N, C-alpha and C. Protein backbone atom coordinates (compact mmCIF):
# COMPACT_ATOMS: atom_id res chain seq x y z
N MET A 1 3.78 14.82 86.01
CA MET A 1 2.40 15.22 85.92
C MET A 1 2.25 16.71 86.19
N ILE A 2 2.99 17.20 87.17
CA ILE A 2 2.91 18.62 87.50
C ILE A 2 3.38 19.46 86.32
N LYS A 3 4.42 19.01 85.65
CA LYS A 3 4.93 19.75 84.49
C LYS A 3 3.90 19.79 83.37
N ALA A 4 3.25 18.65 83.12
CA ALA A 4 2.23 18.60 82.06
C ALA A 4 1.05 19.49 82.39
N ILE A 5 0.61 19.46 83.64
CA ILE A 5 -0.51 20.31 84.05
C ILE A 5 -0.12 21.78 83.96
N ALA A 6 1.11 22.10 84.38
CA ALA A 6 1.57 23.49 84.31
C ALA A 6 1.60 23.98 82.87
N GLN A 7 2.05 23.12 81.95
CA GLN A 7 2.06 23.51 80.53
C GLN A 7 0.65 23.69 80.00
N ASP A 8 -0.25 22.78 80.36
CA ASP A 8 -1.64 22.91 79.93
C ASP A 8 -2.27 24.17 80.51
N TYR A 9 -2.00 24.42 81.78
CA TYR A 9 -2.58 25.60 82.43
C TYR A 9 -2.05 26.88 81.80
N SER A 10 -0.76 26.90 81.50
CA SER A 10 -0.18 28.13 80.92
C SER A 10 -0.70 28.39 79.52
N SER A 11 -1.18 27.35 78.85
CA SER A 11 -1.70 27.55 77.50
C SER A 11 -3.19 27.90 77.48
N LEU A 12 -3.83 27.96 78.64
CA LEU A 12 -5.26 28.25 78.68
C LEU A 12 -5.60 29.68 78.30
N GLY A 13 -4.76 30.61 78.65
CA GLY A 13 -5.10 32.01 78.43
C GLY A 13 -5.72 32.58 79.69
N PRO A 14 -5.75 33.91 79.79
CA PRO A 14 -6.19 34.53 81.04
C PRO A 14 -7.65 34.24 81.41
N ARG A 15 -8.56 34.30 80.48
CA ARG A 15 -9.98 34.11 80.82
C ARG A 15 -10.26 32.67 81.24
N ARG A 16 -9.74 31.71 80.50
CA ARG A 16 -10.00 30.31 80.84
C ARG A 16 -9.25 29.89 82.10
N SER A 17 -8.07 30.47 82.34
CA SER A 17 -7.34 30.10 83.56
C SER A 17 -8.06 30.63 84.80
N ILE A 18 -8.61 31.83 84.71
CA ILE A 18 -9.38 32.37 85.83
C ILE A 18 -10.66 31.56 86.00
N ALA A 19 -11.29 31.19 84.90
CA ALA A 19 -12.50 30.38 84.97
C ALA A 19 -12.22 29.00 85.57
N ALA A 20 -11.01 28.50 85.41
CA ALA A 20 -10.64 27.21 86.01
C ALA A 20 -10.32 27.35 87.49
N LEU A 21 -9.72 28.47 87.89
CA LEU A 21 -9.29 28.62 89.27
C LEU A 21 -10.40 29.05 90.24
N ILE A 22 -11.37 29.82 89.76
CA ILE A 22 -12.43 30.28 90.67
C ILE A 22 -13.23 29.11 91.23
N PRO A 23 -13.72 28.17 90.40
CA PRO A 23 -14.42 27.01 90.99
C PRO A 23 -13.49 26.15 91.85
N SER A 24 -12.22 26.07 91.47
CA SER A 24 -11.26 25.30 92.28
C SER A 24 -11.13 25.91 93.67
N PHE A 25 -11.04 27.21 93.72
CA PHE A 25 -10.96 27.91 95.00
C PHE A 25 -12.21 27.67 95.83
N ALA A 26 -13.38 27.77 95.20
CA ALA A 26 -14.64 27.57 95.92
C ALA A 26 -14.75 26.15 96.46
N ILE A 27 -14.37 25.17 95.65
CA ILE A 27 -14.41 23.77 96.09
C ILE A 27 -13.46 23.55 97.27
N ALA A 28 -12.25 24.07 97.15
CA ALA A 28 -11.25 23.88 98.21
C ALA A 28 -11.71 24.54 99.51
N GLN A 29 -12.22 25.76 99.44
CA GLN A 29 -12.65 26.45 100.65
C GLN A 29 -13.85 25.77 101.30
N THR A 30 -14.77 25.27 100.48
CA THR A 30 -15.93 24.56 101.03
C THR A 30 -15.50 23.28 101.72
N ALA A 31 -14.58 22.55 101.09
CA ALA A 31 -14.09 21.31 101.69
C ALA A 31 -13.37 21.58 103.01
N ILE A 32 -12.57 22.62 103.05
CA ILE A 32 -11.86 22.98 104.28
C ILE A 32 -12.85 23.38 105.37
N LEU A 33 -13.86 24.16 105.00
CA LEU A 33 -14.87 24.59 105.96
C LEU A 33 -15.62 23.39 106.55
N LEU A 34 -15.90 22.39 105.71
CA LEU A 34 -16.62 21.21 106.17
C LEU A 34 -15.72 20.17 106.81
N GLY A 35 -14.40 20.38 106.75
CA GLY A 35 -13.46 19.43 107.34
C GLY A 35 -13.23 18.19 106.49
N VAL A 36 -13.50 18.29 105.20
CA VAL A 36 -13.32 17.16 104.30
C VAL A 36 -11.89 17.16 103.79
N PRO A 37 -11.16 16.06 103.95
CA PRO A 37 -9.81 16.03 103.38
C PRO A 37 -9.90 16.00 101.86
N ILE A 38 -9.16 16.88 101.22
CA ILE A 38 -9.26 17.01 99.77
C ILE A 38 -7.88 17.25 99.19
N SER A 39 -7.68 16.74 98.02
CA SER A 39 -6.41 16.91 97.33
C SER A 39 -6.49 18.12 96.40
N PHE A 40 -5.65 19.11 96.66
CA PHE A 40 -5.64 20.28 95.80
C PHE A 40 -5.14 19.91 94.40
N ASN A 41 -4.32 18.89 94.33
CA ASN A 41 -3.86 18.40 93.03
C ASN A 41 -5.05 17.94 92.19
N GLU A 42 -5.96 17.18 92.79
CA GLU A 42 -7.13 16.71 92.06
C GLU A 42 -8.00 17.87 91.62
N ILE A 43 -8.13 18.87 92.45
CA ILE A 43 -8.96 20.01 92.10
C ILE A 43 -8.39 20.74 90.89
N ILE A 44 -7.09 21.02 90.92
CA ILE A 44 -6.47 21.75 89.82
C ILE A 44 -6.48 20.93 88.54
N VAL A 45 -6.17 19.64 88.64
CA VAL A 45 -6.17 18.78 87.45
C VAL A 45 -7.57 18.74 86.84
N SER A 46 -8.58 18.56 87.68
CA SER A 46 -9.95 18.51 87.14
C SER A 46 -10.36 19.84 86.53
N ALA A 47 -9.91 20.95 87.10
CA ALA A 47 -10.23 22.26 86.55
C ALA A 47 -9.58 22.46 85.18
N VAL A 48 -8.32 22.07 85.06
CA VAL A 48 -7.62 22.23 83.78
C VAL A 48 -8.23 21.31 82.72
N VAL A 49 -8.51 20.06 83.09
CA VAL A 49 -9.12 19.13 82.15
C VAL A 49 -10.51 19.61 81.76
N GLY A 50 -11.26 20.10 82.74
CA GLY A 50 -12.59 20.63 82.45
C GLY A 50 -12.55 21.82 81.53
N ALA A 51 -11.57 22.70 81.73
CA ALA A 51 -11.44 23.85 80.85
C ALA A 51 -11.09 23.41 79.44
N GLY A 52 -10.24 22.39 79.31
CA GLY A 52 -9.92 21.87 77.98
C GLY A 52 -11.11 21.19 77.33
N ALA A 53 -11.89 20.46 78.12
CA ALA A 53 -13.07 19.78 77.58
C ALA A 53 -14.13 20.79 77.16
N ALA A 54 -14.30 21.85 77.95
CA ALA A 54 -15.30 22.86 77.63
C ALA A 54 -14.95 23.62 76.37
N ALA A 55 -13.65 23.79 76.12
CA ALA A 55 -13.22 24.51 74.93
C ALA A 55 -13.19 23.61 73.71
N GLY A 56 -13.40 22.32 73.91
CA GLY A 56 -13.40 21.40 72.78
C GLY A 56 -12.01 21.09 72.28
N ALA A 57 -11.03 21.15 73.16
CA ALA A 57 -9.65 20.86 72.75
C ALA A 57 -9.52 19.40 72.37
N GLY A 58 -8.78 19.11 71.34
CA GLY A 58 -8.62 17.75 70.87
C GLY A 58 -7.74 16.89 71.76
N GLY A 59 -7.00 17.50 72.69
CA GLY A 59 -6.09 16.74 73.52
C GLY A 59 -6.73 16.10 74.74
N VAL A 60 -8.01 16.28 74.95
CA VAL A 60 -8.68 15.72 76.12
C VAL A 60 -9.24 14.36 75.75
N SER A 61 -8.72 13.33 76.41
CA SER A 61 -9.14 11.96 76.14
C SER A 61 -10.20 11.54 77.15
N ARG A 62 -11.36 11.13 76.65
CA ARG A 62 -12.44 10.69 77.55
C ARG A 62 -12.02 9.43 78.32
N GLY A 63 -11.28 8.55 77.67
CA GLY A 63 -10.82 7.33 78.34
C GLY A 63 -9.90 7.63 79.51
N LYS A 64 -8.95 8.53 79.29
CA LYS A 64 -8.03 8.91 80.37
C LYS A 64 -8.77 9.63 81.49
N MET A 65 -9.74 10.47 81.12
CA MET A 65 -10.52 11.15 82.15
C MET A 65 -11.31 10.13 82.97
N GLY A 66 -11.86 9.13 82.32
CA GLY A 66 -12.61 8.09 83.03
C GLY A 66 -11.74 7.31 83.99
N TYR A 67 -10.55 6.91 83.52
CA TYR A 67 -9.62 6.19 84.40
C TYR A 67 -9.18 7.06 85.57
N THR A 68 -8.97 8.33 85.33
CA THR A 68 -8.56 9.24 86.40
C THR A 68 -9.66 9.36 87.46
N VAL A 69 -10.89 9.53 87.01
CA VAL A 69 -12.01 9.64 87.96
C VAL A 69 -12.17 8.33 88.73
N LEU A 70 -12.06 7.19 88.04
CA LEU A 70 -12.15 5.90 88.72
C LEU A 70 -11.04 5.75 89.76
N ALA A 71 -9.84 6.19 89.44
CA ALA A 71 -8.73 6.10 90.39
C ALA A 71 -9.00 6.99 91.60
N TRP A 72 -9.53 8.19 91.39
CA TRP A 72 -9.83 9.08 92.50
C TRP A 72 -10.91 8.50 93.40
N VAL A 73 -11.98 8.01 92.80
CA VAL A 73 -13.07 7.42 93.58
C VAL A 73 -12.58 6.16 94.30
N GLY A 74 -11.82 5.34 93.59
CA GLY A 74 -11.27 4.12 94.20
C GLY A 74 -10.36 4.43 95.37
N SER A 75 -9.51 5.42 95.22
CA SER A 75 -8.60 5.77 96.32
C SER A 75 -9.37 6.31 97.52
N LEU A 76 -10.44 7.06 97.27
CA LEU A 76 -11.27 7.55 98.36
C LEU A 76 -11.94 6.39 99.10
N LEU A 77 -12.47 5.45 98.34
CA LEU A 77 -13.13 4.30 98.97
C LEU A 77 -12.14 3.44 99.76
N VAL A 78 -10.98 3.15 99.17
CA VAL A 78 -9.98 2.35 99.86
C VAL A 78 -9.50 3.05 101.12
N ALA A 79 -9.26 4.35 101.04
CA ALA A 79 -8.81 5.10 102.21
C ALA A 79 -9.88 5.11 103.30
N SER A 80 -11.13 5.24 102.90
CA SER A 80 -12.22 5.24 103.88
C SER A 80 -12.35 3.89 104.58
N VAL A 81 -12.32 2.82 103.82
CA VAL A 81 -12.44 1.48 104.39
C VAL A 81 -11.24 1.18 105.28
N LEU A 82 -10.05 1.51 104.82
CA LEU A 82 -8.84 1.26 105.60
C LEU A 82 -8.85 2.07 106.90
N SER A 83 -9.25 3.34 106.82
CA SER A 83 -9.31 4.18 108.02
C SER A 83 -10.32 3.64 109.01
N PHE A 84 -11.48 3.25 108.53
CA PHE A 84 -12.51 2.70 109.42
C PHE A 84 -12.02 1.41 110.05
N GLY A 85 -11.38 0.55 109.27
CA GLY A 85 -10.86 -0.70 109.80
C GLY A 85 -9.80 -0.49 110.86
N LEU A 86 -8.87 0.42 110.60
CA LEU A 86 -7.83 0.72 111.58
C LEU A 86 -8.41 1.35 112.84
N TYR A 87 -9.38 2.22 112.69
CA TYR A 87 -10.02 2.84 113.86
C TYR A 87 -10.75 1.78 114.69
N THR A 88 -11.48 0.91 114.02
CA THR A 88 -12.21 -0.14 114.73
C THR A 88 -11.24 -1.07 115.45
N ALA A 89 -10.14 -1.43 114.79
CA ALA A 89 -9.15 -2.30 115.43
C ALA A 89 -8.50 -1.62 116.63
N ALA A 90 -8.20 -0.32 116.48
CA ALA A 90 -7.56 0.40 117.58
C ALA A 90 -8.48 0.55 118.77
N THR A 91 -9.76 0.81 118.53
CA THR A 91 -10.69 0.93 119.65
C THR A 91 -10.97 -0.41 120.31
N ALA A 92 -10.87 -1.51 119.56
CA ALA A 92 -11.08 -2.84 120.13
C ALA A 92 -9.92 -3.22 121.05
N VAL A 93 -8.72 -2.81 120.70
CA VAL A 93 -7.54 -3.13 121.48
C VAL A 93 -7.48 -2.27 122.74
N LEU A 94 -7.84 -1.05 122.61
CA LEU A 94 -7.76 -0.12 123.76
C LEU A 94 -9.00 -0.27 124.55
């Protein structure tokens, strides 16, 4: 996946690559400031896919983008529920 993203990113060109990285940087810094755990991989992937979608590139699949977003949201929900459950169990034992 990293190789595919790197190839896509390298083919963006200077203007689109900068346009993809500036919002990624802002999102990452805001999340860090607020203490929100965030995946830099997700930020970069979404920026590259967004740059491809904005340019109207034919290689961007709406179905794959939908599954990717669902997987990200699902993993966030599962991690949240699991963390809350483990915390509740740990505080009940202690």
